[in-house]
All heavy atoms as atom14 arrays in JSON, in Angstrom:
{
  "sequence": "VKGEEVVEINIPAGVAEGMVVNVPGKGNAGQRNGVSGDIQV",
  "atom14_mask": [
    [1, 1, 1, 1, 1, 1, 1, 0, 0, 0, 0, 0, 0, 0],
    [1, 1, 1, 1, 1, 1, 1, 1, 1, 0, 0, 0, 0, 0],
    [1, 1, 1, 1, 0, 0, 0, 0, 0, 0, 0, 0, 0, 0],
    [1, 1, 1, 1, 1, 1, 1, 1, 1, 0, 0, 0, 0, 0],
    [1, 1, 1, 1, 1, 1, 1, 1, 1, 0, 0, 0, 0, 0],
    [1, 1, 1, 1, 1, 1, 1, 0, 0, 0, 0, 0, 0, 0],
    [1, 1, 1, 1, 1, 1, 1, 0, 0, 0, 0, 0, 0, 0],
    [1, 1, 1, 1, 1, 1, 1, 1, 1, 0, 0, 0, 0, 0],
    [1, 1, 1, 1, 1, 1, 1, 1, 0, 0, 0, 0, 0, 0],
    [1, 1, 1, 1, 1, 1, 1, 1, 0, 0, 0, 0, 0, 0],
    [1, 1, 1, 1, 1, 1, 1, 1, 0, 0, 0, 0, 0, 0],
    [1, 1, 1, 1, 1, 1, 1, 0, 0, 0, 0, 0, 0, 0],
    [1, 1, 1, 1, 1, 0, 0, 0, 0, 0, 0, 0, 0, 0],
    [1, 1, 1, 1, 0, 0, 0, 0, 0, 0, 0, 0, 0, 0],
    [1, 1, 1, 1, 1, 1, 1, 0, 0, 0, 0, 0, 0, 0],
    [1, 1, 1, 1, 1, 0, 0, 0, 0, 0, 0, 0, 0, 0],
    [1, 1, 1, 1, 1, 1, 1, 1, 1, 0, 0, 0, 0, 0],
    [1, 1, 1, 1, 0, 0, 0, 0, 0, 0, 0, 0, 0, 0],
    [1, 1, 1, 1, 1, 1, 1, 1, 0, 0, 0, 0, 0, 0],
    [1, 1, 1, 1, 1, 1, 1, 0, 0, 0, 0, 0, 0, 0],
    [1, 1, 1, 1, 1, 1, 1, 0, 0, 0, 0, 0, 0, 0],
    [1, 1, 1, 1, 1, 1, 1, 1, 0, 0, 0, 0, 0, 0],
    [1, 1, 1, 1, 1, 1, 1, 0, 0, 0, 0, 0, 0, 0],
    [1, 1, 1, 1, 1, 1, 1, 0, 0, 0, 0, 0, 0, 0],
    [1, 1, 1, 1, 0, 0, 0, 0, 0, 0, 0, 0, 0, 0],
    [1, 1, 1, 1, 1, 1, 1, 1, 1, 0, 0, 0, 0, 0],
    [1, 1, 1, 1, 0, 0, 0, 0, 0, 0, 0, 0, 0, 0],
    [1, 1, 1, 1, 1, 1, 1, 1, 0, 0, 0, 0, 0, 0],
    [1, 1, 1, 1, 1, 0, 0, 0, 0, 0, 0, 0, 0, 0],
    [1, 1, 1, 1, 0, 0, 0, 0, 0, 0, 0, 0, 0, 0],
    [1, 1, 1, 1, 1, 1, 1, 1, 1, 0, 0, 0, 0, 0],
    [1, 1, 1, 1, 1, 1, 1, 1, 1, 1, 1, 0, 0, 0],
    [1, 1, 1, 1, 1, 1, 1, 1, 0, 0, 0, 0, 0, 0],
    [1, 1, 1, 1, 0, 0, 0, 0, 0, 0, 0, 0, 0, 0],
    [1, 1, 1, 1, 1, 1, 1, 0, 0, 0, 0, 0, 0, 0],
    [1, 1, 1, 1, 1, 1, 0, 0, 0, 0, 0, 0, 0, 0],
    [1, 1, 1, 1, 0, 0, 0, 0, 0, 0, 0, 0, 0, 0],
    [1, 1, 1, 1, 1, 1, 1, 1, 0, 0, 0, 0, 0, 0],
    [1, 1, 1, 1, 1, 1, 1, 1, 0, 0, 0, 0, 0, 0],
    [1, 1, 1, 1, 1, 1, 1, 1, 1, 0, 0, 0, 0, 0],
    [1, 1, 1, 1, 1, 1, 1, 0, 0, 0, 0, 0, 0, 0]
  ],
  "atom14_positions": [
    [[-13.93, -9.3, 3.56], [-15.07, -8.77, 2.84], [-14.49, -7.44, 2.08], [-13.5, -6.99, 2.32], [-16.31, -8.31, 3.83], [-16.94, -9.52, 4.34], [-15.82, -7.31, 4.76], [0.0, 0.0, 0.0], [0.0, 0.0, 0.0], [0.0, 0.0, 0.0], [0.0, 0.0, 0.0], [0.0, 0.0, 0.0], [0.0, 0.0, 0.0], [0.0, 0.0, 0.0]],
    [[-15.27, -7.07, 1.19], [-14.9, -5.83, 0.45], [-15.31, -4.59, 1.24], [-16.36, -4.47, 1.98], [-15.83, -5.66, -0.93], [-15.36, -6.73, -1.98], [-13.86, -6.53, -2.39], [-13.49, -7.52, -3.54], [-12.09, -7.37, -3.87], [0.0, 0.0, 0.0], [0.0, 0.0, 0.0], [0.0, 0.0, 0.0], [0.0, 0.0, 0.0], [0.0, 0.0, 0.0]],
    [[-14.38, -3.58, 1.23], [-14.64, -2.47, 2.08], [-13.77, -1.35, 1.5], [-13.05, -1.39, 0.42], [0.0, 0.0, 0.0], [0.0, 0.0, 0.0], [0.0, 0.0, 0.0], [0.0, 0.0, 0.0], [0.0, 0.0, 0.0], [0.0, 0.0, 0.0], [0.0, 0.0, 0.0], [0.0, 0.0, 0.0], [0.0, 0.0, 0.0], [0.0, 0.0, 0.0]],
    [[-13.6, -0.27, 2.2], [-12.77, 1.02, 1.84], [-11.98, 1.39, 3.01], [-12.35, 1.13, 4.2], [-13.68, 2.14, 1.42], [-14.4, 1.84, 0.1], [-15.16, 3.07, -0.42], [-15.46, 3.95, 0.47], [-15.57, 3.29, -1.59], [0.0, 0.0, 0.0], [0.0, 0.0, 0.0], [0.0, 0.0, 0.0], [0.0, 0.0, 0.0], [0.0, 0.0, 0.0]],
    [[-10.78, 1.99, 2.66], [-9.9, 2.42, 3.7], [-9.13, 3.7, 3.14], [-8.79, 3.71, 2.02], [-8.91, 1.37, 4.17], [-7.9, 1.93, 5.28], [-6.86, 0.94, 5.65], [-6.91, -0.3, 5.05], [-6.06, 1.25, 6.41], [0.0, 0.0, 0.0], [0.0, 0.0, 0.0], [0.0, 0.0, 0.0], [0.0, 0.0, 0.0], [0.0, 0.0, 0.0]],
    [[-9.05, 4.65, 3.94], [-8.24, 5.85, 3.56], [-6.82, 5.67, 4.0], [-6.53, 5.44, 5.18], [-8.78, 7.26, 4.2], [-8.02, 8.32, 3.88], [-10.28, 7.48, 3.89], [0.0, 0.0, 0.0], [0.0, 0.0, 0.0], [0.0, 0.0, 0.0], [0.0, 0.0, 0.0], [0.0, 0.0, 0.0], [0.0, 0.0, 0.0], [0.0, 0.0, 0.0]],
    [[-6.0, 5.62, 3.07], [-4.58, 5.29, 3.17], [-3.73, 6.57, 3.04], [-3.85, 7.24, 1.96], [-4.16, 4.24, 2.22], [-2.67, 3.85, 2.45], [-5.0, 2.96, 2.43], [0.0, 0.0, 0.0], [0.0, 0.0, 0.0], [0.0, 0.0, 0.0], [0.0, 0.0, 0.0], [0.0, 0.0, 0.0], [0.0, 0.0, 0.0], [0.0, 0.0, 0.0]],
    [[-2.8, 6.89, 3.92], [-1.9, 7.98, 3.77], [-0.48, 7.43, 3.34], [0.07, 6.46, 3.83], [-1.69, 8.63, 5.26], [-2.67, 9.72, 5.54], [-2.23, 10.73, 6.7], [-1.05, 10.48, 7.26], [-3.03, 11.5, 7.11], [0.0, 0.0, 0.0], [0.0, 0.0, 0.0], [0.0, 0.0, 0.0], [0.0, 0.0, 0.0], [0.0, 0.0, 0.0]],
    [[-0.12, 8.05, 2.28], [1.17, 7.61, 1.61], [2.16, 8.67, 1.55], [1.89, 9.76, 1.17], [0.96, 7.1, 0.24], [-0.01, 5.84, 0.25], [2.28, 6.78, -0.37], [-0.45, 5.34, -1.09], [0.0, 0.0, 0.0], [0.0, 0.0, 0.0], [0.0, 0.0, 0.0], [0.0, 0.0, 0.0], [0.0, 0.0, 0.0], [0.0, 0.0, 0.0]],
    [[3.26, 8.51, 2.2], [4.38, 9.59, 2.31], [5.36, 9.36, 1.2], [5.96, 8.29, 1.12], [5.14, 9.45, 3.62], [4.32, 9.69, 4.81], [3.45, 10.64, 4.84], [4.41, 9.02, 5.92], [0.0, 0.0, 0.0], [0.0, 0.0, 0.0], [0.0, 0.0, 0.0], [0.0, 0.0, 0.0], [0.0, 0.0, 0.0], [0.0, 0.0, 0.0]],
    [[5.47, 10.34, 0.37], [6.37, 10.3, -0.89], [7.44, 11.21, -0.69], [7.42, 12.31, -0.4], [5.54, 10.67, -2.22], [4.23, 9.83, -2.37], [6.49, 10.6, -3.4], [3.41, 10.12, -3.5], [0.0, 0.0, 0.0], [0.0, 0.0, 0.0], [0.0, 0.0, 0.0], [0.0, 0.0, 0.0], [0.0, 0.0, 0.0], [0.0, 0.0, 0.0]],
    [[8.72, 10.59, -0.67], [9.92, 11.36, -0.33], [10.22, 12.39, -1.43], [9.82, 12.12, -2.64], [11.08, 10.31, -0.22], [10.52, 9.19, -1.04], [9.01, 9.2, -0.95], [0.0, 0.0, 0.0], [0.0, 0.0, 0.0], [0.0, 0.0, 0.0], [0.0, 0.0, 0.0], [0.0, 0.0, 0.0], [0.0, 0.0, 0.0], [0.0, 0.0, 0.0]],
    [[10.94, 13.33, -1.08], [11.32, 14.34, -2.03], [12.27, 13.71, -3.12], [13.13, 12.82, -2.72], [11.96, 15.64, -1.38], [0.0, 0.0, 0.0], [0.0, 0.0, 0.0], [0.0, 0.0, 0.0], [0.0, 0.0, 0.0], [0.0, 0.0, 0.0], [0.0, 0.0, 0.0], [0.0, 0.0, 0.0], [0.0, 0.0, 0.0], [0.0, 0.0, 0.0]],
    [[12.26, 14.28, -4.33], [13.3, 13.9, -5.28], [12.88, 12.68, -6.09], [13.71, 12.42, -6.98], [0.0, 0.0, 0.0], [0.0, 0.0, 0.0], [0.0, 0.0, 0.0], [0.0, 0.0, 0.0], [0.0, 0.0, 0.0], [0.0, 0.0, 0.0], [0.0, 0.0, 0.0], [0.0, 0.0, 0.0], [0.0, 0.0, 0.0], [0.0, 0.0, 0.0]],
    [[11.74, 12.1, -5.93], [11.39, 10.97, -6.7], [11.27, 11.41, -8.32], [11.07, 12.58, -8.68], [10.11, 10.41, -6.31], [10.17, 9.76, -4.96], [8.84, 11.37, -6.32], [0.0, 0.0, 0.0], [0.0, 0.0, 0.0], [0.0, 0.0, 0.0], [0.0, 0.0, 0.0], [0.0, 0.0, 0.0], [0.0, 0.0, 0.0], [0.0, 0.0, 0.0]],
    [[11.17, 10.43, -9.08], [11.08, 10.76, -10.55], [10.02, 9.75, -11.26], [9.59, 8.8, -10.71], [12.44, 10.5, -11.19], [0.0, 0.0, 0.0], [0.0, 0.0, 0.0], [0.0, 0.0, 0.0], [0.0, 0.0, 0.0], [0.0, 0.0, 0.0], [0.0, 0.0, 0.0], [0.0, 0.0, 0.0], [0.0, 0.0, 0.0], [0.0, 0.0, 0.0]],
    [[9.66, 10.23, -12.49], [8.81, 9.42, -13.23], [9.32, 8.0, -13.38], [10.27, 7.68, -13.58], [8.67, 10.11, -14.68], [7.74, 9.36, -15.56], [6.32, 9.99, -15.65], [6.16, 11.22, -15.41], [5.43, 9.42, -16.35], [0.0, 0.0, 0.0], [0.0, 0.0, 0.0], [0.0, 0.0, 0.0], [0.0, 0.0, 0.0], [0.0, 0.0, 0.0]],
    [[8.23, 7.12, -13.11], [8.59, 5.56, -13.29], [9.04, 5.1, -12.02], [9.1, 3.83, -11.83], [0.0, 0.0, 0.0], [0.0, 0.0, 0.0], [0.0, 0.0, 0.0], [0.0, 0.0, 0.0], [0.0, 0.0, 0.0], [0.0, 0.0, 0.0], [0.0, 0.0, 0.0], [0.0, 0.0, 0.0], [0.0, 0.0, 0.0], [0.0, 0.0, 0.0]],
    [[9.41, 5.8, -10.96], [9.75, 5.27, -9.68], [8.57, 4.59, -8.97], [7.36, 5.02, -9.19], [10.5, 6.15, -8.72], [11.81, 6.52, -9.15], [12.58, 7.61, -7.94], [14.32, 7.82, -8.58], [0.0, 0.0, 0.0], [0.0, 0.0, 0.0], [0.0, 0.0, 0.0], [0.0, 0.0, 0.0], [0.0, 0.0, 0.0], [0.0, 0.0, 0.0]],
    [[8.8, 3.69, -8.09], [7.73, 2.97, -7.44], [8.01, 3.1, -5.85], [9.1, 2.75, -5.42], [7.55, 1.6, -7.71], [6.33, 0.89, -6.97], [7.35, 1.23, -9.26], [0.0, 0.0, 0.0], [0.0, 0.0, 0.0], [0.0, 0.0, 0.0], [0.0, 0.0, 0.0], [0.0, 0.0, 0.0], [0.0, 0.0, 0.0], [0.0, 0.0, 0.0]],
    [[7.11, 3.63, -5.11], [7.2, 3.68, -3.62], [6.24, 2.59, -3.12], [5.05, 2.47, -3.43], [6.62, 5.08, -3.17], [6.65, 5.1, -1.67], [7.59, 6.28, -3.7], [0.0, 0.0, 0.0], [0.0, 0.0, 0.0], [0.0, 0.0, 0.0], [0.0, 0.0, 0.0], [0.0, 0.0, 0.0], [0.0, 0.0, 0.0], [0.0, 0.0, 0.0]],
    [[6.87, 1.76, -2.35], [6.08, 0.6, -1.7], [5.68, 0.91, -0.36], [6.32, 1.34, 0.43], [7.05, -0.65, -1.66], [6.23, -1.87, -1.31], [5.32, -2.37, -2.16], [6.6, -2.53, -0.19], [0.0, 0.0, 0.0], [0.0, 0.0, 0.0], [0.0, 0.0, 0.0], [0.0, 0.0, 0.0], [0.0, 0.0, 0.0], [0.0, 0.0, 0.0]],
    [[4.29, 0.62, -0.05], [3.73, 0.93, 1.3], [3.36, -0.42, 1.81], [2.37, -1.06, 1.47], [2.6, 1.85, 1.02], [2.04, 2.13, 2.53], [2.89, 3.1, 0.26], [0.0, 0.0, 0.0], [0.0, 0.0, 0.0], [0.0, 0.0, 0.0], [0.0, 0.0, 0.0], [0.0, 0.0, 0.0], [0.0, 0.0, 0.0], [0.0, 0.0, 0.0]],
    [[4.1, -1.01, 2.73], [3.86, -2.37, 3.26], [2.58, -2.38, 4.07], [2.32, -1.55, 4.91], [5.14, -2.74, 4.03], [5.68, -1.37, 4.48], [5.37, -0.37, 3.25], [0.0, 0.0, 0.0], [0.0, 0.0, 0.0], [0.0, 0.0, 0.0], [0.0, 0.0, 0.0], [0.0, 0.0, 0.0], [0.0, 0.0, 0.0], [0.0, 0.0, 0.0]],
    [[1.84, -3.62, 4.04], [0.79, -3.8, 4.83], [-0.51, -3.06, 4.58], [-1.5, -3.14, 5.39], [0.0, 0.0, 0.0], [0.0, 0.0, 0.0], [0.0, 0.0, 0.0], [0.0, 0.0, 0.0], [0.0, 0.0, 0.0], [0.0, 0.0, 0.0], [0.0, 0.0, 0.0], [0.0, 0.0, 0.0], [0.0, 0.0, 0.0], [0.0, 0.0, 0.0]],
    [[-0.6, -2.3, 3.49], [-1.76, -1.54, 3.25], [-2.57, -2.09, 1.95], [-3.55, -1.46, 1.58], [-1.34, -0.08, 2.98], [-0.76, 0.62, 4.24], [-1.83, 0.7, 5.29], [-1.36, 1.51, 6.47], [-2.38, 1.58, 7.62], [0.0, 0.0, 0.0], [0.0, 0.0, 0.0], [0.0, 0.0, 0.0], [0.0, 0.0, 0.0], [0.0, 0.0, 0.0]],
    [[-2.14, -3.21, 1.56], [-2.94, -3.86, 0.54], [-4.1, -4.63, 0.87], [-4.66, -4.4, 2.0], [0.0, 0.0, 0.0], [0.0, 0.0, 0.0], [0.0, 0.0, 0.0], [0.0, 0.0, 0.0], [0.0, 0.0, 0.0], [0.0, 0.0, 0.0], [0.0, 0.0, 0.0], [0.0, 0.0, 0.0], [0.0, 0.0, 0.0], [0.0, 0.0, 0.0]],
    [[-4.55, -5.59, 0.03], [-5.59, -6.47, 0.53], [-5.37, -7.27, 1.74], [-4.28, -7.8, 1.93], [-5.98, -7.45, -0.65], [-6.76, -6.72, -1.77], [-7.65, -5.86, -1.52], [-6.36, -6.9, -3.02], [0.0, 0.0, 0.0], [0.0, 0.0, 0.0], [0.0, 0.0, 0.0], [0.0, 0.0, 0.0], [0.0, 0.0, 0.0], [0.0, 0.0, 0.0]],
    [[-6.3, -7.45, 2.58], [-6.1, -8.22, 3.81], [-6.06, -9.66, 3.46], [-6.7, -10.18, 2.44], [-7.26, -7.97, 4.76], [0.0, 0.0, 0.0], [0.0, 0.0, 0.0], [0.0, 0.0, 0.0], [0.0, 0.0, 0.0], [0.0, 0.0, 0.0], [0.0, 0.0, 0.0], [0.0, 0.0, 0.0], [0.0, 0.0, 0.0], [0.0, 0.0, 0.0]],
    [[-5.19, -10.44, 4.23], [-5.08, -11.82, 3.92], [-6.27, -12.61, 4.46], [-6.76, -12.19, 5.5], [0.0, 0.0, 0.0], [0.0, 0.0, 0.0], [0.0, 0.0, 0.0], [0.0, 0.0, 0.0], [0.0, 0.0, 0.0], [0.0, 0.0, 0.0], [0.0, 0.0, 0.0], [0.0, 0.0, 0.0], [0.0, 0.0, 0.0], [0.0, 0.0, 0.0]],
    [[-6.58, -13.61, 3.9], [-7.77, -14.47, 4.36], [-7.42, -15.06, 5.78], [-6.38, -15.36, 6.14], [-8.07, -15.64, 3.32], [-8.61, -15.11, 2.09], [-9.07, -16.24, 1.24], [-9.08, -17.42, 1.54], [-9.52, -15.9, -0.04], [0.0, 0.0, 0.0], [0.0, 0.0, 0.0], [0.0, 0.0, 0.0], [0.0, 0.0, 0.0], [0.0, 0.0, 0.0]],
    [[-8.49, -15.17, 6.6], [-8.49, -15.66, 7.94], [-7.16, -15.19, 8.68], [-6.41, -15.99, 9.19], [-8.45, -17.26, 7.81], [-9.78, -17.86, 7.32], [-9.89, -19.35, 7.21], [-9.01, -19.87, 6.12], [-9.42, -19.88, 4.86], [-10.66, -19.42, 4.59], [-8.69, -20.48, 4.0], [0.0, 0.0, 0.0], [0.0, 0.0, 0.0], [0.0, 0.0, 0.0]],
    [[-7.28, -13.89, 8.87], [-6.31, -13.24, 9.64], [-4.83, -13.39, 9.26], [-3.85, -13.59, 9.93], [-6.33, -13.61, 11.19], [-7.57, -13.0, 11.77], [-7.91, -11.92, 11.58], [-8.25, -13.84, 12.68], [0.0, 0.0, 0.0], [0.0, 0.0, 0.0], [0.0, 0.0, 0.0], [0.0, 0.0, 0.0], [0.0, 0.0, 0.0], [0.0, 0.0, 0.0]],
    [[-4.69, -13.55, 7.87], [-3.32, -13.66, 7.32], [-2.72, -12.3, 7.14], [-3.15, -11.34, 7.81], [0.0, 0.0, 0.0], [0.0, 0.0, 0.0], [0.0, 0.0, 0.0], [0.0, 0.0, 0.0], [0.0, 0.0, 0.0], [0.0, 0.0, 0.0], [0.0, 0.0, 0.0], [0.0, 0.0, 0.0], [0.0, 0.0, 0.0], [0.0, 0.0, 0.0]],
    [[-1.6, -12.22, 6.39], [-0.77, -11.1, 6.12], [-1.41, -10.21, 5.17], [-1.64, -10.67, 4.08], [0.68, -11.4, 5.87], [1.48, -10.16, 5.73], [1.28, -12.35, 6.99], [0.0, 0.0, 0.0], [0.0, 0.0, 0.0], [0.0, 0.0, 0.0], [0.0, 0.0, 0.0], [0.0, 0.0, 0.0], [0.0, 0.0, 0.0], [0.0, 0.0, 0.0]],
    [[-1.52, -8.97, 5.39], [-1.9, -7.93, 4.36], [-0.91, -7.79, 3.32], [0.38, -7.82, 3.58], [-2.33, -6.61, 4.9], [-3.37, -6.75, 5.8], [0.0, 0.0, 0.0], [0.0, 0.0, 0.0], [0.0, 0.0, 0.0], [0.0, 0.0, 0.0], [0.0, 0.0, 0.0], [0.0, 0.0, 0.0], [0.0, 0.0, 0.0], [0.0, 0.0, 0.0]],
    [[-1.27, -7.57, 2.05], [-0.41, -7.2, 1.02], [0.11, -5.78, 1.13], [-0.15, -5.06, 2.03], [0.0, 0.0, 0.0], [0.0, 0.0, 0.0], [0.0, 0.0, 0.0], [0.0, 0.0, 0.0], [0.0, 0.0, 0.0], [0.0, 0.0, 0.0], [0.0, 0.0, 0.0], [0.0, 0.0, 0.0], [0.0, 0.0, 0.0], [0.0, 0.0, 0.0]],
    [[0.78, -5.28, 0.07], [1.28, -3.95, -0.06], [0.71, -3.23, -1.05], [-0.09, -3.61, -1.9], [2.8, -3.91, -0.45], [3.66, -4.94, 0.57], [3.24, -5.02, 1.72], [4.75, -5.38, 0.26], [0.0, 0.0, 0.0], [0.0, 0.0, 0.0], [0.0, 0.0, 0.0], [0.0, 0.0, 0.0], [0.0, 0.0, 0.0], [0.0, 0.0, 0.0]],
    [[0.81, -1.77, -1.08], [0.33, -1.02, -2.06], [1.6, -0.38, -2.74], [2.54, 0.15, -2.13], [-0.36, 0.21, -1.48], [-1.88, -0.21, -0.93], [-0.7, 1.28, -2.62], [-2.64, 0.9, -0.4], [0.0, 0.0, 0.0], [0.0, 0.0, 0.0], [0.0, 0.0, 0.0], [0.0, 0.0, 0.0], [0.0, 0.0, 0.0], [0.0, 0.0, 0.0]],
    [[1.69, -0.5, -4.02], [2.71, -0.05, -4.95], [2.3, 1.18, -5.62], [1.29, 1.14, -6.39], [3.12, -1.09, -5.91], [3.75, -2.42, -5.2], [3.98, -3.54, -6.24], [3.54, -3.43, -7.37], [4.64, -4.51, -5.84], [0.0, 0.0, 0.0], [0.0, 0.0, 0.0], [0.0, 0.0, 0.0], [0.0, 0.0, 0.0], [0.0, 0.0, 0.0]],
    [[2.98, 2.41, -5.3], [2.64, 3.6, -5.75], [3.53, 3.94, -7.0], [4.71, 4.1, -6.89], [2.57, 4.71, -4.78], [2.16, 6.05, -5.37], [1.69, 4.28, -3.57], [0.0, 0.0, 0.0], [0.0, 0.0, 0.0], [0.0, 0.0, 0.0], [0.0, 0.0, 0.0], [0.0, 0.0, 0.0], [0.0, 0.0, 0.0], [0.0, 0.0, 0.0]]
  ]
}
């Protein structure tokens, strides 16, 4: 179902414009207890 979650994202020192930090398992939940997607920052 649609909902909200507060997600903490740790960004390492030294990153630069255009880089992408991937946070696994914090994206949309998979249907019927499937695998959650990721968040790309």
